[in-house]
């Protein structure tokens, strides 16, 4: 999508994204056992790209030892004998950026993912909502502060200018064009997205800085650089619009998380799942949706994946509620081999109903019942939990049945005739022993001729000598039976 050159943009630069994620979770490839936070923060860590044979990310402890970006793995290992090395994973960066974009979608509308290190935010159309750039950026910063990312940012009226300033590890936020121009002049040409070969050509003719580049007219540069680089130069000048594709939350939720070390114990998977569920909670919150079912796939190192379908009797979105149900299910789960990855997917979602109840509406009993049902199904298994529903049959033995699944669409409500039924119904009628006083009746039931279980009875409400109210009936043979008690 193409835009004019008058919109204000913000670029969020995350140069150590994978390293930050690993340090936040406290796990990495070489040390599967958990350690103290202080020990982890003092250990030198790097992210190594085997294709380039270069160090592309490093923490402060590694920098203090003399390790630098672009250094080979052998050279870095010589500087630190206990260096923690993680292989660069592009998919991890993509998933983290998508998760962050999904969170920021609550605060801003136009987001563009710039893989693998950043996000573009179109701030121009949000200033009227927040009142000023300062208020808007404070809301974004509060969301970013929830993560332990190394964040650099810049604002400009061109996406490439904002990106170039932020890549110099600046924290610059202003809507003043003069201030933006001064920041841009301090940037180096090598940090831009212009092709490396074209940068070398420009340096041969004396164009070594952004200030030198902007001082030359585009007509002089047209014969020296490629069309792509020329278009990037025009964007830096503010003469050409950008073509970007906005982020849209996916229709169905699915997240794959590759663990940084193998996990062999089921209870150790719960903290990892908690992080996944928190991301799902943000996804559902953006869409004002609730989840009815989750599918968790545990990828095992030496065996087939284990797939667990977690259902809830009531729609949920909060991660804490889902984690309680999953913890109960995992109590009876056993792993055949170590787990190296987890896939969490959710396809059954529904829109949350608008809350139109008043202060006096009582819903706690229903919610507690649905919560209990979800916990029982997770603990015992869905096939072990049955629900009692009314059936469209006048015979007392057949007007209620057990069903394993909760289906409100097929659920039949009790008619008024059932309101006079006893609270305790015997499984089979028993002969009436002793005398009873009839209070009300008869109620004749003649039914069941279609399934060869025909009955013909006259039911009465009676009372025994002890004062117990009974539900009795008489057969055509003038035999009396007791079928239930009123409680």
Protein backbone atom coordinates (compact mmCIF):
# COMPACT_ATOMS: atom_id res chain seq x y z
CA UNK A 1 0.00 0.00 0.00
CA UNK A 2 1.37 3.40 -1.02
CA UNK A 3 1.33 6.55 1.11
CA UNK A 4 2.11 10.21 0.77
CA UNK A 5 5.26 11.75 2.22
CA UNK A 6 3.52 13.85 4.88
CA UNK A 7 2.65 11.10 7.36
CA UNK A 8 4.62 10.76 10.59
CA UNK A 9 6.14 7.32 11.12
CA UNK A 10 7.90 5.59 14.01
CA UNK A 11 10.40 2.79 13.58
CA UNK A 12 11.06 0.41 16.49
CA UNK A 13 14.46 -1.26 16.15
CA UNK A 14 15.13 -4.52 18.05
CA UNK A 15 18.71 -5.57 17.20
CA UNK A 16 19.04 -8.28 19.87
CA UNK A 17 15.60 -9.82 19.58
CA UNK A 18 16.50 -13.51 19.84
CA UNK A 19 19.04 -12.90 22.59
CA UNK A 20 16.51 -10.89 24.61
CA UNK A 21 13.90 -13.63 24.30
CA UNK A 22 16.36 -16.27 25.51
CA UNK A 23 17.54 -14.20 28.46
CA UNK A 24 13.95 -13.38 29.43
CA UNK A 25 13.01 -17.04 29.56
CA UNK A 26 16.24 -17.95 31.32
CA UNK A 27 17.00 -20.85 28.97
CA UNK A 28 19.55 -21.54 26.26
CA UNK A 29 21.13 -24.43 24.46
CA UNK A 30 24.08 -25.16 26.70
CA UNK A 31 22.39 -25.00 30.12
CA UNK A 32 19.08 -26.82 30.41
CA UNK A 33 19.03 -26.42 34.17
CA UNK A 34 17.61 -23.24 35.64
CA UNK A 35 20.04 -20.84 37.32
CA UNK A 36 19.80 -17.65 39.23
CA UNK A 37 18.95 -14.50 37.34
CA UNK A 38 22.13 -12.80 38.51
CA UNK A 39 24.31 -15.63 37.20
CA UNK A 40 22.56 -15.59 33.86
CA UNK A 41 22.96 -11.84 33.45
CA UNK A 42 26.71 -12.07 34.11
CA UNK A 43 27.36 -14.83 31.58
CA UNK A 44 28.59 -13.90 28.12
CA UNK A 45 26.09 -14.87 25.44
CA UNK A 46 26.03 -14.54 21.69
CA UNK A 47 23.78 -15.45 18.79
CA UNK A 48 25.75 -16.98 15.95
CA UNK A 49 24.72 -17.17 12.29
CA UNK A 50 26.34 -20.29 10.76
CA UNK A 51 25.60 -19.15 7.19
CA UNK A 52 27.60 -15.95 7.63
CA UNK A 53 29.97 -17.41 10.22
CA UNK A 54 29.48 -14.26 12.25
CA UNK A 55 28.33 -13.10 15.64
CA UNK A 56 25.17 -11.09 15.00
CA UNK A 57 23.90 -10.53 18.57
CA UNK A 58 25.70 -10.28 21.92
CA UNK A 59 24.96 -9.12 25.44
CA UNK A 60 26.92 -6.62 27.57
CA UNK A 61 28.96 -9.31 29.28
CA UNK A 62 30.23 -10.52 25.90
CA UNK A 63 30.96 -6.95 24.76
CA UNK A 64 33.08 -6.33 27.86
CA UNK A 65 35.27 -9.31 26.92
CA UNK A 66 35.99 -7.77 23.52
CA UNK A 67 33.55 -9.76 21.41
CA UNK A 68 32.16 -7.68 18.54
CA UNK A 69 29.53 -7.95 15.82
CA UNK A 70 30.79 -9.73 12.71
CA UNK A 71 33.41 -11.72 14.61
CA UNK A 72 33.82 -15.40 13.81
CA UNK A 73 32.85 -18.12 16.26
CA UNK A 74 36.44 -19.32 16.74
CA UNK A 75 37.67 -15.83 17.61
CA UNK A 76 34.79 -15.26 20.03
CA UNK A 77 35.43 -18.62 21.74
CA UNK A 78 39.09 -17.70 22.31
CA UNK A 79 38.03 -14.59 24.20
CA UNK A 80 35.66 -16.51 26.50
CA UNK A 81 36.01 -20.18 27.41
CA UNK A 82 32.48 -20.36 28.93
CA UNK A 83 30.71 -18.53 26.12
CA UNK A 84 27.02 -19.43 25.70
CA UNK A 85 26.29 -19.79 21.98
CA UNK A 86 22.85 -19.97 20.38
CA UNK A 87 22.28 -20.58 16.69
CA UNK A 88 20.35 -17.82 14.92
CA UNK A 89 16.73 -18.76 14.17
CA UNK A 90 14.84 -16.49 11.81
CA UNK A 91 11.49 -18.11 12.67
CA UNK A 92 11.90 -17.15 16.31
CA UNK A 93 12.37 -13.51 15.33
CA UNK A 94 9.33 -13.63 13.02
CA UNK A 95 7.10 -15.12 15.70
CA UNK A 96 8.26 -12.61 18.30
CA UNK A 97 7.60 -9.68 15.95
CA UNK A 98 4.13 -11.02 15.13
CA UNK A 99 3.37 -11.45 18.82
CA UNK A 100 4.55 -7.90 19.56
CA UNK A 101 2.53 -6.53 16.65
CA UNK A 102 -0.54 -8.31 17.98
CA UNK A 103 -0.07 -6.64 21.37
CA UNK A 104 0.48 -3.18 19.88
CA UNK A 105 -2.63 -3.66 17.74
CA UNK A 106 -4.60 -2.77 20.87
CA UNK A 107 -2.98 0.69 20.87
CA UNK A 108 -2.35 1.60 17.25
CA UNK A 109 -4.03 0.66 13.99
CA UNK A 110 -1.34 0.76 11.28
CA UNK A 111 1.58 -1.61 11.91
CA UNK A 112 4.08 -2.98 9.42
CA UNK A 113 6.43 -5.84 10.32
CA UNK A 114 9.98 -5.29 9.06
CA UNK A 115 11.65 -8.69 9.40
CA UNK A 116 13.78 -9.57 11.20
CA UNK A 117 14.52 -6.60 13.48
CA UNK A 118 11.77 -4.03 13.61
CA UNK A 119 8.28 -2.60 13.32
CA UNK A 120 6.90 0.45 11.54
CA UNK A 121 4.10 2.38 13.26
CA UNK A 122 2.10 4.97 11.35
CA UNK A 123 1.56 7.62 14.03
CA UNK A 124 -0.07 10.34 11.94
CA UNK A 125 -3.62 8.99 12.12
CA UNK A 126 -3.34 8.26 15.87
CA UNK A 127 -2.40 11.78 17.02
CA UNK A 128 -5.99 12.98 17.04
CA UNK A 129 -7.00 10.05 19.24
CA UNK A 130 -4.16 10.47 21.76
CA UNK A 131 -3.95 14.26 21.55
CA UNK A 132 -0.21 14.49 20.94
CA UNK A 133 2.81 12.48 19.87
CA UNK A 134 4.07 12.38 23.46
CA UNK A 135 0.89 10.77 24.81
CA UNK A 136 0.79 8.30 21.93
CA UNK A 137 4.39 7.24 22.41
CA UNK A 138 3.98 6.87 26.18
CA UNK A 139 1.23 4.30 25.56
CA UNK A 140 3.50 2.40 23.16
CA UNK A 141 6.42 2.53 25.60
CA UNK A 142 4.33 1.11 28.42
CA UNK A 143 3.51 -1.89 26.25
CA UNK A 144 7.15 -2.37 25.21
CA UNK A 145 8.31 -2.07 28.83
CA UNK A 146 6.57 -5.37 29.61
CA UNK A 147 9.32 -7.10 27.63
CA UNK A 148 13.04 -7.08 28.28
CA UNK A 149 13.94 -6.00 24.75
CA UNK A 150 16.81 -3.71 23.76
CA UNK A 151 14.64 -1.07 22.08
CA UNK A 152 15.77 1.81 19.88
CA UNK A 153 13.36 4.07 18.04
CA UNK A 154 13.03 7.14 15.90
CA UNK A 155 10.28 9.21 14.28
CA UNK A 156 10.31 10.87 10.88
CA UNK A 157 8.10 11.78 7.95
CA UNK A 158 9.66 8.99 5.91
CA UNK A 159 9.79 5.31 6.83
CA UNK A 160 13.38 4.96 5.67
CA UNK A 161 14.53 8.05 7.55
CA UNK A 162 12.96 6.75 10.77
CA UNK A 163 14.57 3.34 10.22
CA UNK A 164 17.99 4.81 9.45
CA UNK A 165 18.05 6.97 12.59
CA UNK A 166 16.88 4.08 14.79
CA UNK A 167 19.53 1.72 13.34
CA UNK A 168 22.16 4.09 14.72
CA UNK A 169 20.82 3.02 18.14
CA UNK A 170 19.16 6.33 18.86
CA UNK A 171 16.10 7.00 20.97
CA UNK A 172 14.70 9.98 19.15
CA UNK A 173 11.06 11.06 19.22
CA UNK A 174 9.94 14.36 17.67
CA UNK A 175 7.55 15.69 15.05
CA UNK A 176 9.74 18.75 14.34
CA UNK A 177 11.09 18.55 10.79
CA UNK A 178 14.20 20.61 11.59
CA UNK A 179 15.18 18.27 14.44
CA UNK A 180 14.57 15.25 12.23
CA UNK A 181 16.79 16.71 9.48
CA UNK A 182 19.60 17.31 11.98
CA UNK A 183 19.41 13.73 13.22
CA UNK A 184 19.46 12.44 9.66
CA UNK A 185 22.63 14.37 8.78
CA UNK A 186 24.49 12.59 11.59
CA UNK A 187 23.73 9.17 10.12
CA UNK A 188 26.27 7.18 8.10
CA UNK A 189 25.60 5.94 4.60
CA UNK A 190 26.65 2.36 5.40
CA UNK A 191 23.72 1.87 7.80
CA UNK A 192 21.10 2.58 5.12
CA UNK A 193 19.32 -0.01 2.98
CA UNK A 194 21.07 1.20 -0.17
CA UNK A 195 22.84 -1.61 -2.03
CA UNK A 196 26.41 -2.21 -0.86
CA UNK A 197 27.80 -1.95 -4.40
CA UNK A 198 26.06 1.39 -4.91
CA UNK A 199 27.47 2.69 -1.63
CA UNK A 200 30.98 1.87 -2.86
CA UNK A 201 30.30 3.73 -6.12
CA UNK A 202 29.07 6.78 -4.21
CA UNK A 203 32.10 6.75 -1.92
CA UNK A 204 34.41 6.84 -4.96
CA UNK A 205 32.90 10.20 -5.99
CA UNK A 206 33.08 11.65 -2.47
CA UNK A 207 29.59 10.81 -1.19
CA UNK A 208 30.40 9.27 2.21
CA UNK A 209 27.68 10.60 4.52
CA UNK A 210 23.94 11.18 4.36
CA UNK A 211 24.64 14.93 4.35
CA UNK A 212 26.78 14.49 1.21
CA UNK A 213 24.06 12.37 -0.37
CA UNK A 214 21.33 14.94 0.22
CA UNK A 215 23.49 17.74 -1.16
CA UNK A 216 23.67 16.11 -4.60
CA UNK A 217 20.62 16.33 -6.91
CA UNK A 218 18.98 13.07 -7.93
CA UNK A 219 19.81 13.68 -11.58
CA UNK A 220 23.56 13.38 -10.84
CA UNK A 221 23.08 10.09 -9.02
CA UNK A 222 20.74 8.45 -11.51
CA UNK A 223 23.57 7.16 -13.73
CA UNK A 224 25.65 5.85 -10.81
CA UNK A 225 23.21 3.73 -8.78
CA UNK A 226 20.50 1.17 -9.47
CA UNK A 227 16.81 1.99 -9.70
CA UNK A 228 16.13 0.41 -6.32
CA UNK A 229 18.83 2.47 -4.63
CA UNK A 230 17.63 5.58 -6.43
CA UNK A 231 14.13 5.02 -5.10
CA UNK A 232 15.51 4.59 -1.57
CA UNK A 233 17.42 7.84 -1.92
CA UNK A 234 14.21 9.56 -3.06
CA UNK A 235 12.45 8.21 0.06
CA UNK A 236 15.24 9.57 2.26
CA UNK A 237 14.75 12.97 0.64
CA UNK A 238 10.99 12.78 1.21
CA UNK A 239 10.33 12.87 -2.54
CA UNK A 240 8.84 9.38 -2.95
CA UNK A 241 6.16 7.56 -0.95
CA UNK A 242 6.65 4.16 0.65
CA UNK A 243 4.96 0.91 -0.33
CA UNK A 244 4.12 -1.11 2.75
CA UNK A 245 1.73 -3.87 3.73
CA UNK A 246 -0.08 -3.47 7.03
CA UNK A 247 -0.20 -6.21 9.62
CA UNK A 248 -3.54 -7.97 10.06
CA UNK A 249 -4.21 -10.42 12.91
CA UNK A 250 -4.60 -13.95 11.48
CA UNK A 251 -8.03 -15.56 11.14
CA UNK A 252 -7.02 -18.62 13.15
CA UNK A 253 -4.50 -18.68 15.93
CA UNK A 254 -1.51 -20.97 15.73
CA UNK A 255 1.86 -20.62 17.42
CA UNK A 256 4.84 -22.91 17.22
CA UNK A 257 7.52 -22.56 19.88
CA UNK A 258 10.79 -24.42 19.49
CA UNK A 259 12.33 -24.97 22.91
CA UNK A 260 15.93 -23.98 23.41
CA UNK A 261 16.55 -27.24 25.25
CA UNK A 262 14.70 -30.57 25.46
CA UNK A 263 12.20 -31.02 28.31
CA UNK A 264 11.54 -34.48 29.70
CA UNK A 265 9.20 -33.63 32.61
CA UNK A 266 5.58 -32.69 32.01
CA UNK A 267 5.39 -30.16 34.84
CA UNK A 268 8.30 -28.23 33.29
CA UNK A 269 6.16 -27.61 30.21
CA UNK A 270 3.59 -25.55 32.11
CA UNK A 271 5.71 -22.35 32.41
CA UNK A 272 6.37 -22.50 28.67
CA UNK A 273 2.68 -23.02 27.95
CA UNK A 274 1.85 -20.08 30.20
CA UNK A 275 3.81 -17.77 27.89
CA UNK A 276 2.00 -19.20 24.86
CA UNK A 277 -1.38 -18.72 26.55
CA UNK A 278 -0.56 -15.10 27.35
CA UNK A 279 0.04 -14.49 23.66
CA UNK A 280 -3.26 -16.21 22.87
CA UNK A 281 -4.99 -13.98 25.43
CA UNK A 282 -3.75 -10.87 23.59
CA UNK A 283 -4.94 -12.33 20.29
CA UNK A 284 -8.45 -12.98 21.65
CA UNK A 285 -8.62 -9.60 23.38
CA UNK A 286 -7.94 -7.77 20.11
CA UNK A 287 -10.80 -9.61 18.44
CA UNK A 288 -13.18 -9.44 21.41
CA UNK A 289 -13.40 -13.21 21.15
CA UNK A 290 -13.49 -16.25 23.40
CA UNK A 291 -12.03 -19.71 22.89
CA UNK A 292 -13.96 -22.95 23.30
CA UNK A 293 -11.19 -25.41 22.50
CA UNK A 294 -7.39 -25.48 22.30
CA UNK A 295 -5.14 -28.01 20.61
CA UNK A 296 -1.69 -28.56 22.07
CA UNK A 297 0.82 -30.60 20.09
CA UNK A 298 3.96 -31.73 21.91
CA UNK A 299 6.72 -32.57 19.44
CA UNK A 300 8.88 -35.39 20.84
CA UNK A 301 12.46 -35.96 19.87
CA UNK A 302 12.29 -39.72 19.24
CA UNK A 303 8.56 -40.46 19.04
CA UNK A 304 5.42 -39.25 17.31
CA UNK A 305 3.93 -35.93 18.49
CA UNK A 306 1.38 -36.02 21.29
CA UNK A 307 -1.78 -34.05 20.54
CA UNK A 308 -4.03 -32.92 23.37
CA UNK A 309 -7.42 -31.29 22.68
CA UNK A 310 -8.46 -29.16 25.65
CA UNK A 311 -12.15 -28.24 25.73
CA UNK A 312 -13.94 -25.85 28.04
CA UNK A 313 -17.59 -25.98 29.03
CA UNK A 314 -17.74 -22.19 28.87
CA UNK A 315 -15.88 -19.85 26.48
CA UNK A 316 -12.66 -18.45 27.98
CA UNK A 317 -9.94 -16.02 27.01
CA UNK A 318 -7.79 -15.52 30.12
CA UNK A 319 -4.55 -17.47 30.17
CA UNK A 320 -4.83 -18.27 33.89
CA UNK A 321 -8.16 -20.05 33.42
CA UNK A 322 -6.86 -22.13 30.52
CA UNK A 323 -3.67 -22.98 32.41
CA UNK A 324 -5.68 -24.42 35.32
CA UNK A 325 -7.54 -26.77 32.97
CA UNK A 326 -4.36 -27.77 31.11
CA UNK A 327 -2.54 -28.49 34.38
CA UNK A 328 -5.27 -30.96 35.37
CA UNK A 329 -5.08 -32.70 31.99
CA UNK A 330 -1.29 -32.94 32.13
CA UNK A 331 -1.36 -34.69 35.51
CA UNK A 332 -2.23 -37.94 33.71
CA UNK A 333 0.06 -37.30 30.71
CA UNK A 334 3.30 -39.20 30.21
CA UNK A 335 6.03 -38.43 27.67
CA UNK A 336 7.71 -41.13 25.60
CA UNK A 337 10.75 -38.95 24.93
CA UNK A 338 11.96 -35.38 25.39
CA UNK A 339 9.89 -32.52 23.93
CA UNK A 340 11.69 -30.07 21.66
CA UNK A 341 8.75 -27.98 20.43
CA UNK A 342 5.15 -27.00 21.21
CA UNK A 343 2.37 -25.99 18.85
CA UNK A 344 -0.66 -24.19 20.30
CA UNK A 345 -3.62 -23.68 17.97
CA UNK A 346 -7.14 -22.39 18.42
CA UNK A 347 -9.81 -22.64 15.73
CA UNK A 348 -13.01 -22.65 17.77
CA UNK A 349 -13.59 -19.04 18.76
CA UNK A 350 -16.74 -17.01 19.16
CA UNK A 351 -17.52 -13.36 19.67
CA UNK A 352 -17.97 -12.24 23.26
CA UNK A 353 -21.55 -11.28 24.11
CA UNK A 354 -22.26 -7.72 25.15
CA UNK A 355 -22.83 -7.42 28.88
CA UNK A 356 -26.44 -6.23 29.24
CA UNK A 357 -27.13 -7.55 32.76
CA UNK A 358 -27.81 -5.33 35.75
CA UNK A 359 -26.25 -5.26 39.19
CA UNK A 360 -28.73 -7.75 40.61
CA UNK A 361 -28.31 -10.44 37.94
CA UNK A 362 -27.05 -13.66 39.46
CA UNK A 363 -24.65 -15.54 37.16
CA UNK A 364 -22.12 -16.85 39.63
CA UNK A 365 -23.90 -20.21 40.05
CA UNK A 366 -23.87 -20.93 36.31
CA UNK A 367 -20.23 -19.86 35.91
CA UNK A 368 -19.18 -21.99 38.88
CA UNK A 369 -20.99 -25.01 37.39
CA UNK A 370 -19.31 -24.55 34.00
CA UNK A 371 -15.91 -24.12 35.66
CA UNK A 372 -16.43 -27.32 37.65
CA UNK A 373 -17.48 -29.17 34.50
CA UNK A 374 -14.34 -28.02 32.63
CA UNK A 375 -12.10 -29.12 35.49
CA UNK A 376 -13.77 -32.54 35.76
CA UNK A 377 -13.47 -33.15 32.02
CA UNK A 378 -9.80 -32.16 32.07
CA UNK A 379 -9.04 -34.29 35.13
CA UNK A 380 -11.06 -37.44 34.37
CA UNK A 381 -11.43 -37.23 30.59
CA UNK A 382 -14.44 -36.10 28.60
CA UNK A 383 -15.70 -39.66 28.11
CA UNK A 384 -15.92 -40.11 31.90
CA UNK A 385 -18.14 -37.06 32.54
CA UNK A 386 -21.84 -37.18 31.62
CA UNK A 387 -24.46 -34.46 31.82
CA UNK A 388 -28.12 -35.01 32.66
CA UNK A 389 -30.58 -33.44 30.20
CA UNK A 390 -34.32 -33.54 29.73
CA UNK A 391 -35.64 -35.76 26.97
CA UNK A 392 -38.86 -35.19 25.01
CA UNK A 393 -40.65 -38.20 26.53
CA UNK A 394 -43.52 -38.35 29.04
CA UNK A 395 -42.45 -41.66 30.54
CA UNK A 396 -40.69 -40.93 33.85
CA UNK A 397 -37.95 -43.47 33.13
CA UNK A 398 -37.15 -41.84 29.79
CA UNK A 399 -37.62 -38.09 30.31
CA UNK A 400 -33.98 -37.57 31.33
CA UNK A 401 -30.83 -38.95 29.71
CA UNK A 402 -27.09 -38.70 30.12
CA UNK A 403 -24.94 -37.05 27.44
CA UNK A 404 -21.17 -36.64 27.42
CA UNK A 405 -21.09 -33.38 25.48
CA UNK A 406 -22.61 -30.02 26.36
CA UNK A 407 -24.73 -28.92 23.40
CA UNK A 408 -27.06 -26.04 24.14
CA UNK A 409 -28.55 -26.13 20.65
CA UNK A 410 -30.06 -29.59 21.20
CA UNK A 411 -30.89 -29.08 24.84
CA UNK A 412 -34.60 -29.42 25.65
CA UNK A 413 -36.05 -27.32 28.42
CA UNK A 414 -38.36 -28.89 30.97
CA UNK A 415 -42.05 -28.29 30.29
CA UNK A 416 -44.48 -27.23 33.01
CA UNK A 417 -45.68 -30.78 33.55
CA UNK A 418 -42.25 -31.73 34.90
CA UNK A 419 -42.47 -29.12 37.64
CA UNK A 420 -44.68 -31.48 39.70
CA UNK A 421 -42.25 -34.38 39.44
CA UNK A 422 -40.44 -35.59 42.60
CA UNK A 423 -36.87 -34.53 43.28
CA UNK A 424 -35.76 -38.11 43.90
CA UNK A 425 -36.86 -40.70 41.32
CA UNK A 426 -36.26 -44.39 41.91
CA UNK A 427 -34.34 -46.30 39.26
CA UNK A 428 -37.13 -48.91 39.21
CA UNK A 429 -40.60 -48.66 40.81
CA UNK A 430 -41.07 -50.58 44.04
CA UNK A 431 -44.31 -52.11 45.40
CA UNK A 432 -46.07 -49.81 47.85
CA UNK A 433 -45.74 -51.09 51.43
CA UNK A 434 -48.23 -49.82 53.99
CA UNK A 435 -51.00 -47.30 53.68
CA UNK A 436 -50.71 -43.82 52.17
CA UNK A 437 -53.12 -40.91 51.99
CA UNK A 438 -53.80 -39.56 48.48
CA UNK A 439 -53.42 -35.78 48.25
CA UNK A 440 -53.72 -35.10 44.53
CA UNK A 441 -54.31 -36.98 41.31
CA UNK A 442 -54.70 -38.95 39.22
CA UNK A 443 -52.36 -38.08 36.33
CA UNK A 444 -52.69 -40.70 33.60
CA UNK A 445 -49.66 -41.52 31.42
CA UNK A 446 -50.19 -43.81 28.43
CA UNK A 447 -47.13 -43.86 26.18
CA UNK A 448 -44.32 -45.93 24.63
CA UNK A 449 -46.25 -48.05 22.15
CA UNK A 450 -43.75 -47.21 19.37
CA UNK A 451 -40.68 -48.78 21.02
CA UNK A 452 -42.35 -51.80 22.70
CA UNK A 453 -41.96 -50.26 26.17
CA UNK A 454 -45.59 -49.25 26.61
CA UNK A 455 -46.84 -48.07 29.99
CA UNK A 456 -50.34 -47.23 31.31
CA UNK A 457 -50.34 -45.74 34.79
CA UNK A 458 -52.34 -43.42 37.01
CA UNK A 459 -49.98 -41.33 39.15
CA UNK A 460 -50.94 -39.79 42.51
CA UNK A 461 -49.38 -37.46 45.03
CA UNK A 462 -49.63 -39.24 48.41
CA UNK A 463 -48.39 -38.92 51.96
CA UNK A 464 -47.16 -41.71 54.24
CA UNK A 465 -47.88 -42.06 57.95
CA UNK A 466 -44.44 -40.52 58.68
CA UNK A 467 -45.37 -37.39 56.68
CA UNK A 468 -43.18 -38.20 53.66
CA UNK A 469 -44.71 -37.13 50.34
CA UNK A 470 -44.66 -39.91 47.78
CA UNK A 471 -45.19 -40.26 44.05
CA UNK A 472 -47.19 -43.46 43.54
CA UNK A 473 -49.04 -45.01 40.61
CA UNK A 474 -51.69 -47.64 39.96
CA UNK A 475 -51.63 -50.13 37.09
CA UNK A 476 -54.67 -51.43 35.15
CA UNK A 477 -54.35 -54.59 37.29
CA UNK A 478 -54.98 -52.43 40.37
CA UNK A 479 -51.39 -52.86 41.62
CA UNK A 480 -49.76 -49.98 43.53
CA UNK A 481 -46.12 -48.91 43.21
CA UNK A 482 -43.97 -46.12 44.58
CA UNK A 483 -41.84 -44.32 42.00
CA UNK A 484 -40.29 -41.36 43.81
CA UNK A 485 -39.99 -39.07 46.85
CA UNK A 486 -40.55 -35.35 47.09
CA UNK A 487 -37.61 -33.71 48.83
